[in-house]
Amino acid sequence: MSGRIVLRLDRMMVERGRSLNWLAEQVGITNVNLSKIKNNRVSAIRFSTLASICEALDCQPGDILEYEYDEA
């Protein structure tokens, strides 16, 4: 059985009431790159970027990262 890591950044942004533009500015990355992270269109994320996101949103990596089991 295998699965994948899913980014739940969109959910955390809603919970914190923060916009994509605000978070991109806080983290120091482009809106385009942050949008890719938010919409699960990346295969990797730097720990430094994850740390900056967590600092800006006052959360833990586990609030953003989730393991999803494959249905097969």
C-alpha atoms as a PDB file:
ATOM      1  CA  MET A   1       0.000   0.000   0.000  1.00  0.00           C
ATOM      2  CA  SER A   2       1.314   3.431  -0.864  1.00  0.00           C
ATOM      3  CA  GLY A   3       0.041   6.954  -0.731  1.00  0.00           C
ATOM      4  CA  ARG A   4       1.052  10.538  -1.191  1.00  0.00           C
ATOM      5  CA  ILE A   5       1.628  13.731   0.730  1.00  0.00           C
ATOM      6  CA  VAL A   6      -1.075  16.330   0.157  1.00  0.00           C
ATOM      7  CA  LEU A   7      -0.643  20.011   0.920  1.00  0.00           C
ATOM      8  CA  ARG A   8      -3.579  21.578   2.761  1.00  0.00           C
ATOM      9  CA  LEU A   9      -2.299  25.136   2.594  1.00  0.00           C
ATOM     10  CA  ASP A  10      -5.611  26.371   1.168  1.00  0.00           C
ATOM     11  CA  ARG A  11      -7.465  25.176   4.262  1.00  0.00           C
ATOM     12  CA  MET A  12      -4.979  26.795   6.633  1.00  0.00           C
ATOM     13  CA  MET A  13      -5.140  30.091   4.740  1.00  0.00           C
ATOM     14  CA  VAL A  14      -8.942  30.128   5.069  1.00  0.00           C
ATOM     15  CA  GLU A  15      -8.726  29.297   8.787  1.00  0.00           C
ATOM     16  CA  ARG A  16      -6.267  32.159   9.323  1.00  0.00           C
ATOM     17  CA  GLY A  17      -8.141  34.565   7.024  1.00  0.00           C
ATOM     18  CA  ARG A  18      -5.059  35.220   4.904  1.00  0.00           C
ATOM     19  CA  SER A  19      -4.856  35.885   1.171  1.00  0.00           C
ATOM     20  CA  LEU A  20      -2.452  34.456  -1.364  1.00  0.00           C
ATOM     21  CA  ASN A  21      -0.913  37.892  -1.935  1.00  0.00           C
ATOM     22  CA  TRP A  22      -0.388  38.477   1.789  1.00  0.00           C
ATOM     23  CA  LEU A  23       1.226  35.080   2.347  1.00  0.00           C
ATOM     24  CA  ALA A  24       3.456  35.348  -0.739  1.00  0.00           C
ATOM     25  CA  GLU A  25       4.753  38.670   0.557  1.00  0.00           C
ATOM     26  CA  GLN A  26       5.381  37.277   4.050  1.00  0.00           C
ATOM     27  CA  VAL A  27       7.155  34.173   2.752  1.00  0.00           C
ATOM     28  CA  GLY A  28       9.130  35.969   0.053  1.00  0.00           C
ATOM     29  CA  ILE A  29       8.038  33.903  -2.945  1.00  0.00           C
ATOM     30  CA  THR A  30       6.014  34.791  -6.016  1.00  0.00           C
ATOM     31  CA  ASN A  31       2.247  34.515  -6.120  1.00  0.00           C
ATOM     32  CA  VAL A  32       2.618  31.976  -8.937  1.00  0.00           C
ATOM     33  CA  ASN A  33       4.867  29.676  -6.901  1.00  0.00           C
ATOM     34  CA  LEU A  34       2.719  29.994  -3.797  1.00  0.00           C
ATOM     35  CA  SER A  35      -0.374  29.260  -5.884  1.00  0.00           C
ATOM     36  CA  LYS A  36       1.278  26.039  -7.101  1.00  0.00           C
ATOM     37  CA  ILE A  37       1.928  25.015  -3.498  1.00  0.00           C
ATOM     38  CA  LYS A  38      -1.608  25.977  -2.457  1.00  0.00           C
ATOM     39  CA  ASN A  39      -3.148  23.939  -5.279  1.00  0.00           C
ATOM     40  CA  ASN A  40      -0.948  20.851  -4.837  1.00  0.00           C
ATOM     41  CA  ARG A  41       0.854  21.338  -8.133  1.00  0.00           C
ATOM     42  CA  VAL A  42       4.351  20.761  -6.750  1.00  0.00           C
ATOM     43  CA  SER A  43       6.325  17.588  -6.181  1.00  0.00           C
ATOM     44  CA  ALA A  44       8.604  19.102  -3.549  1.00  0.00           C
ATOM     45  CA  ILE A  45       8.780  22.019  -1.132  1.00  0.00           C
ATOM     46  CA  ARG A  46      11.889  23.432   0.535  1.00  0.00           C
ATOM     47  CA  PHE A  47      11.985  23.150   4.303  1.00  0.00           C
ATOM     48  CA  SER A  48      12.879  26.839   4.470  1.00  0.00           C
ATOM     49  CA  THR A  49       9.711  27.707   2.508  1.00  0.00           C
ATOM     50  CA  LEU A  50       7.621  25.431   4.713  1.00  0.00           C
ATOM     51  CA  ALA A  51       9.141  27.030   7.813  1.00  0.00           C
ATOM     52  CA  SER A  52       8.355  30.521   6.520  1.00  0.00           C
ATOM     53  CA  ILE A  53       4.760  29.522   5.738  1.00  0.00           C
ATOM     54  CA  CYS A  54       4.354  28.052   9.217  1.00  0.00           C
ATOM     55  CA  GLU A  55       5.793  31.169  10.819  1.00  0.00           C
ATOM     56  CA  ALA A  56       3.512  33.473   8.810  1.00  0.00           C
ATOM     57  CA  LEU A  57       0.384  31.398   9.507  1.00  0.00           C
ATOM     58  CA  ASP A  58       1.363  30.519  13.107  1.00  0.00           C
ATOM     59  CA  CYS A  59       0.948  26.797  12.510  1.00  0.00           C
ATOM     60  CA  GLN A  60       2.887  23.534  12.450  1.00  0.00           C
ATOM     61  CA  PRO A  61       3.978  21.590   9.329  1.00  0.00           C
ATOM     62  CA  GLY A  62       1.451  18.900  10.257  1.00  0.00           C
ATOM     63  CA  ASP A  63      -1.321  21.482   9.866  1.00  0.00           C
ATOM     64  CA  ILE A  64      -0.365  21.837   6.196  1.00  0.00           C
ATOM     65  CA  LEU A  65       0.957  18.388   5.248  1.00  0.00           C
ATOM     66  CA  GLU A  66      -1.273  15.338   5.202  1.00  0.00           C
ATOM     67  CA  TYR A  67      -0.655  11.729   4.184  1.00  0.00           C
ATOM     68  CA  GLU A  68      -3.357  10.366   1.899  1.00  0.00           C
ATOM     69  CA  TYR A  69      -3.641   6.625   1.308  1.00  0.00           C
ATOM     70  CA  ASP A  70      -4.161   5.354  -2.223  1.00  0.00           C
ATOM     71  CA  GLU A  71      -7.555   3.764  -2.687  1.00  0.00           C
ATOM     72  CA  ALA A  72      -6.168   0.939  -4.792  1.00  0.00           C
END
